[in-house]
C-alpha atoms as a PDB file:
ATOM      1  CA  UNK A   1      21.848 -11.010 -19.101  1.00  0.00           C
ATOM      2  CA  UNK A   2      20.057 -10.588 -22.642  1.00  0.00           C
ATOM      3  CA  UNK A   3      17.913 -12.880 -21.063  1.00  0.00           C
ATOM      4  CA  UNK A   4      16.664 -12.171 -18.206  1.00  0.00           C
ATOM      5  CA  UNK A   5      15.220  -9.255 -19.725  1.00  0.00           C
ATOM      6  CA  UNK A   6      14.267 -10.070 -22.988  1.00  0.00           C
ATOM      7  CA  UNK A   7      11.061  -8.504 -24.080  1.00  0.00           C
ATOM      8  CA  UNK A   8      11.044  -5.031 -20.923  1.00  0.00           C
ATOM      9  CA  UNK A   9      12.843  -1.955 -21.955  1.00  0.00           C
ATOM     10  CA  UNK A  10      15.200  -0.016 -19.319  1.00  0.00           C
ATOM     11  CA  UNK A  11      14.968   3.185 -18.661  1.00  0.00           C
ATOM     12  CA  UNK A  12      18.082   5.451 -17.824  1.00  0.00           C
ATOM     13  CA  UNK A  13      18.797   7.916 -15.445  1.00  0.00           C
ATOM     14  CA  UNK A  14      17.697  10.597 -17.837  1.00  0.00           C
ATOM     15  CA  UNK A  15      14.314   8.727 -18.398  1.00  0.00           C
ATOM     16  CA  UNK A  16      15.384   7.618 -21.476  1.00  0.00           C
ATOM     17  CA  UNK A  17      14.300   3.866 -22.694  1.00  0.00           C
ATOM     18  CA  UNK A  18      17.046   1.803 -23.790  1.00  0.00           C
ATOM     19  CA  UNK A  19      17.077  -1.977 -25.146  1.00  0.00           C
ATOM     20  CA  UNK A  20      18.596  -4.203 -22.317  1.00  0.00           C
ATOM     21  CA  UNK A  21      19.814  -6.347 -25.268  1.00  0.00           C
ATOM     22  CA  UNK A  22      22.291  -3.520 -26.712  1.00  0.00           C
ATOM     23  CA  UNK A  23      23.001  -2.055 -23.498  1.00  0.00           C
ATOM     24  CA  UNK A  24      23.899  -5.295 -21.527  1.00  0.00           C
ATOM     25  CA  UNK A  25      25.661  -7.215 -24.300  1.00  0.00           C
ATOM     26  CA  UNK A  26      28.879  -9.113 -23.245  1.00  0.00           C
ATOM     27  CA  UNK A  27      28.683  -7.443 -20.405  1.00  0.00           C
ATOM     28  CA  UNK A  28      29.193  -8.472 -16.416  1.00  0.00           C
ATOM     29  CA  UNK A  29      26.287  -7.077 -14.961  1.00  0.00           C
ATOM     30  CA  UNK A  30      25.188  -5.994 -11.232  1.00  0.00           C
ATOM     31  CA  UNK A  31      21.147  -5.981 -10.682  1.00  0.00           C
ATOM     32  CA  UNK A  32      21.040  -3.290  -7.785  1.00  0.00           C
ATOM     33  CA  UNK A  33      18.161  -4.051  -5.582  1.00  0.00           C
ATOM     34  CA  UNK A  34      17.781  -0.471  -3.614  1.00  0.00           C
ATOM     35  CA  UNK A  35      15.621   2.475  -2.174  1.00  0.00           C
ATOM     36  CA  UNK A  36      16.069   6.098  -1.991  1.00  0.00           C
ATOM     37  CA  UNK A  37      13.887   5.434   1.694  1.00  0.00           C
ATOM     38  CA  UNK A  38      16.725   3.269   3.345  1.00  0.00           C
ATOM     39  CA  UNK A  39      19.424   4.314   4.775  1.00  0.00           C
ATOM     40  CA  UNK A  40      21.680   1.251   4.036  1.00  0.00           C
ATOM     41  CA  UNK A  41      21.310   1.693   0.504  1.00  0.00           C
ATOM     42  CA  UNK A  42      22.045   5.402   1.092  1.00  0.00           C
ATOM     43  CA  UNK A  43      25.067   4.442   2.481  1.00  0.00           C
ATOM     44  CA  UNK A  44      26.027   2.233  -0.482  1.00  0.00           C
ATOM     45  CA  UNK A  45      24.939   3.723  -3.033  1.00  0.00           C
ATOM     46  CA  UNK A  46      28.174   6.032  -3.092  1.00  0.00           C
ATOM     47  CA  UNK A  47      30.015   3.696  -3.019  1.00  0.00           C
ATOM     48  CA  UNK A  48      29.226   1.743  -6.153  1.00  0.00           C
ATOM     49  CA  UNK A  49      28.602   5.334  -8.051  1.00  0.00           C
ATOM     50  CA  UNK A  50      32.728   5.435  -7.358  1.00  0.00           C
ATOM     51  CA  UNK A  51      32.927   1.863  -8.840  1.00  0.00           C
ATOM     52  CA  UNK A  52      31.236   2.211 -11.673  1.00  0.00           C
ATOM     53  CA  UNK A  53      32.890   5.307 -12.541  1.00  0.00           C
ATOM     54  CA  UNK A  54      36.159   4.054 -11.774  1.00  0.00           C
ATOM     55  CA  UNK A  55      35.659   0.764 -13.932  1.00  0.00           C
ATOM     56  CA  UNK A  56      34.059   2.435 -16.745  1.00  0.00           C
ATOM     57  CA  UNK A  57      35.214   5.787 -17.143  1.00  0.00           C
ATOM     58  CA  UNK A  58      38.757   6.045 -15.800  1.00  0.00           C
ATOM     59  CA  UNK A  59      39.833   2.491 -17.455  1.00  0.00           C
ATOM     60  CA  UNK A  60      40.761   2.103 -20.791  1.00  0.00           C
ATOM     61  CA  UNK A  61      38.979   0.353 -22.526  1.00  0.00           C
ATOM     62  CA  UNK A  62      36.066   1.054 -20.000  1.00  0.00           C
ATOM     63  CA  UNK A  63      35.194  -2.012 -18.384  1.00  0.00           C
ATOM     64  CA  UNK A  64      32.597  -4.784 -19.640  1.00  0.00           C
ATOM     65  CA  UNK A  65      30.152  -4.210 -16.553  1.00  0.00           C
ATOM     66  CA  UNK A  66      26.901  -2.268 -16.132  1.00  0.00           C
ATOM     67  CA  UNK A  67      24.718  -1.758 -13.174  1.00  0.00           C
ATOM     68  CA  UNK A  68      20.481  -2.350 -13.513  1.00  0.00           C
ATOM     69  CA  UNK A  69      18.526  -0.628 -10.526  1.00  0.00           C
ATOM     70  CA  UNK A  70      15.733  -2.731  -9.171  1.00  0.00           C
ATOM     71  CA  UNK A  71      13.400   0.004  -7.227  1.00  0.00           C
ATOM     72  CA  UNK A  72      11.671  -1.251  -3.838  1.00  0.00           C
ATOM     73  CA  UNK A  73      10.749   2.939  -3.687  1.00  0.00           C
ATOM     74  CA  UNK A  74       7.221   3.611  -2.992  1.00  0.00           C
ATOM     75  CA  UNK A  75       6.817   5.855  -5.964  1.00  0.00           C
ATOM     76  CA  UNK A  76       7.962   6.333  -9.065  1.00  0.00           C
ATOM     77  CA  UNK A  77       8.671  10.059  -8.189  1.00  0.00           C
ATOM     78  CA  UNK A  78      10.458   8.713  -5.180  1.00  0.00           C
ATOM     79  CA  UNK A  79      12.791   6.285  -7.756  1.00  0.00           C
ATOM     80  CA  UNK A  80      13.608   9.288  -9.924  1.00  0.00           C
ATOM     81  CA  UNK A  81      14.456  11.473  -7.454  1.00  0.00           C
ATOM     82  CA  UNK A  82      16.823   8.685  -5.501  1.00  0.00           C
ATOM     83  CA  UNK A  83      17.782   8.261  -9.054  1.00  0.00           C
ATOM     84  CA  UNK A  84      18.864  12.012 -10.303  1.00  0.00           C
ATOM     85  CA  UNK A  85      20.334  12.753  -6.420  1.00  0.00           C
ATOM     86  CA  UNK A  86      22.767   9.736  -5.601  1.00  0.00           C
ATOM     87  CA  UNK A  87      22.717   7.200  -8.711  1.00  0.00           C
ATOM     88  CA  UNK A  88      25.625   6.861 -11.099  1.00  0.00           C
ATOM     89  CA  UNK A  89      24.878   6.640 -14.808  1.00  0.00           C
ATOM     90  CA  UNK A  90      23.383   3.448 -14.983  1.00  0.00           C
ATOM     91  CA  UNK A  91      20.265   1.862 -16.277  1.00  0.00           C
ATOM     92  CA  UNK A  92      17.095   0.837 -14.346  1.00  0.00           C
ATOM     93  CA  UNK A  93      14.279  -1.301 -14.422  1.00  0.00           C
ATOM     94  CA  UNK A  94      10.599   0.889 -14.536  1.00  0.00           C
ATOM     95  CA  UNK A  95       8.847   1.695 -11.549  1.00  0.00           C
ATOM     96  CA  UNK A  96       5.631  -0.084 -12.788  1.00  0.00           C
ATOM     97  CA  UNK A  97       7.109  -3.025 -13.815  1.00  0.00           C
ATOM     98  CA  UNK A  98       5.784  -5.805 -12.121  1.00  0.00           C
ATOM     99  CA  UNK A  99       9.231  -7.992 -13.259  1.00  0.00           C
ATOM    100  CA  UNK A 100      10.389  -6.792 -10.039  1.00  0.00           C
ATOM    101  CA  UNK A 101       8.831  -9.015  -8.118  1.00  0.00           C
ATOM    102  CA  UNK A 102       9.589 -11.985 -10.565  1.00  0.00           C
ATOM    103  CA  UNK A 103      13.456 -10.775 -10.498  1.00  0.00           C
ATOM    104  CA  UNK A 104      13.491 -10.360  -6.173  1.00  0.00           C
ATOM    105  CA  UNK A 105      11.940 -14.109  -6.378  1.00  0.00           C
ATOM    106  CA  UNK A 106      14.461 -15.634  -8.338  1.00  0.00           C
ATOM    107  CA  UNK A 107      17.249 -13.958  -7.001  1.00  0.00           C
ATOM    108  CA  UNK A 108      16.137 -14.446  -3.393  1.00  0.00           C
ATOM    109  CA  UNK A 109      15.880 -10.374  -2.504  1.00  0.00           C
ATOM    110  CA  UNK A 110      14.965 -10.610   1.484  1.00  0.00           C
ATOM    111  CA  UNK A 111      16.594  -7.266   2.136  1.00  0.00           C
ATOM    112  CA  UNK A 112      17.538  -4.570   0.701  1.00  0.00           C
ATOM    113  CA  UNK A 113      20.851  -3.303  -0.755  1.00  0.00           C
ATOM    114  CA  UNK A 114      21.476  -6.078  -2.214  1.00  0.00           C
ATOM    115  CA  UNK A 115      24.127  -6.566  -5.209  1.00  0.00           C
ATOM    116  CA  UNK A 116      23.560  -9.641  -7.276  1.00  0.00           C
ATOM    117  CA  UNK A 117      26.777 -10.122 -10.011  1.00  0.00           C
ATOM    118  CA  UNK A 118      25.133 -11.870 -12.663  1.00  0.00           C
ATOM    119  CA  UNK A 119      26.690 -13.509 -16.513  1.00  0.00           C
ATOM    120  CA  UNK A 120      24.757 -13.152 -19.896  1.00  0.00           C
ATOM    121  CA  UNK A 121      22.512 -16.121 -18.521  1.00  0.00           C
ATOM    122  CA  UNK A 122      21.408 -14.483 -15.450  1.00  0.00           C
ATOM    123  CA  UNK A 123      23.132 -17.170 -13.695  1.00  0.00           C
ATOM    124  CA  UNK A 124      24.693 -15.562 -10.470  1.00  0.00           C
ATOM    125  CA  UNK A 125      28.299 -15.503 -10.255  1.00  0.00           C
ATOM    126  CA  UNK A 126      28.119 -13.639  -6.223  1.00  0.00           C
ATOM    127  CA  UNK A 127      25.096 -12.285  -4.300  1.00  0.00           C
ATOM    128  CA  UNK A 128      27.641 -10.560  -2.089  1.00  0.00           C
ATOM    129  CA  UNK A 129      28.409  -7.923  -4.826  1.00  0.00           C
ATOM    130  CA  UNK A 130      28.077  -4.996  -1.733  1.00  0.00           C
ATOM    131  CA  UNK A 131      30.685  -6.901   0.404  1.00  0.00           C
ATOM    132  CA  UNK A 132      33.189  -7.220  -2.191  1.00  0.00           C
ATOM    133  CA  UNK A 133      32.882  -3.822  -3.277  1.00  0.00           C
ATOM    134  CA  UNK A 134      32.994  -2.781   0.421  1.00  0.00           C
ATOM    135  CA  UNK A 135      35.886  -5.304   1.269  1.00  0.00           C
ATOM    136  CA  UNK A 136      38.051  -5.499  -1.907  1.00  0.00           C
ATOM    137  CA  UNK A 137      37.124  -2.548  -4.317  1.00  0.00           C
ATOM    138  CA  UNK A 138      37.774  -2.657  -8.066  1.00  0.00           C
ATOM    139  CA  UNK A 139      39.811  -6.213  -7.452  1.00  0.00           C
ATOM    140  CA  UNK A 140      36.697  -7.950  -7.173  1.00  0.00           C
ATOM    141  CA  UNK A 141      35.845  -6.950 -10.792  1.00  0.00           C
ATOM    142  CA  UNK A 142      38.732  -9.314 -12.077  1.00  0.00           C
ATOM    143  CA  UNK A 143      36.655 -12.591 -10.357  1.00  0.00           C
ATOM    144  CA  UNK A 144      33.550 -11.317 -11.567  1.00  0.00           C
ATOM    145  CA  UNK A 145      35.150 -11.046 -14.722  1.00  0.00           C
ATOM    146  CA  UNK A 146      36.689 -14.695 -15.043  1.00  0.00           C
ATOM    147  CA  UNK A 147      33.185 -15.897 -13.468  1.00  0.00           C
ATOM    148  CA  UNK A 148      30.920 -14.232 -16.381  1.00  0.00           C
ATOM    149  CA  UNK A 149      32.276 -16.266 -19.334  1.00  0.00           C
ATOM    150  CA  UNK A 150      33.080 -12.869 -21.258  1.00  0.00           C
ATOM    151  CA  UNK A 151      36.302 -13.037 -23.512  1.00  0.00           C
ATOM    152  CA  UNK A 152      37.395  -9.625 -22.492  1.00  0.00           C
ATOM    153  CA  UNK A 153      40.903  -7.939 -22.765  1.00  0.00           C
ATOM    154  CA  UNK A 154      40.700  -6.001 -20.031  1.00  0.00           C
ATOM    155  CA  UNK A 155      43.244  -5.234 -17.503  1.00  0.00           C
ATOM    156  CA  UNK A 156      42.524  -2.728 -14.254  1.00  0.00           C
END
């Protein structure tokens, strides 16, 4: 995943700049293409929050999982408002970074919300993360982990 964001900075929910190399190292990463104006996005975001919280805050050790939000909001203010009102404590590509257009092309994003689960290399594990979380809950993470080629003694 580090490969995908090389030379870029991500931002945390509280606005801090985050080095993707540190934050995403040895993790399964969910690229979350979403926007606050999109009602299906607003419907799924709390589900993703619960999933994220259970994996990272309620399991020991925390699961090797991170979400990176790629915004389709209309302004930086809209994006910030959506992140503060609905998002988990995950990362985001800064609003003004034109790289979001490259990511949308690379992962063939034609509609939102879309949760693409990727390996460290940026290769897709599944582009059906949203459906899998809705259908299988936490158990889908084990499949993602197996597809991610990450050595980890995580148990769910």
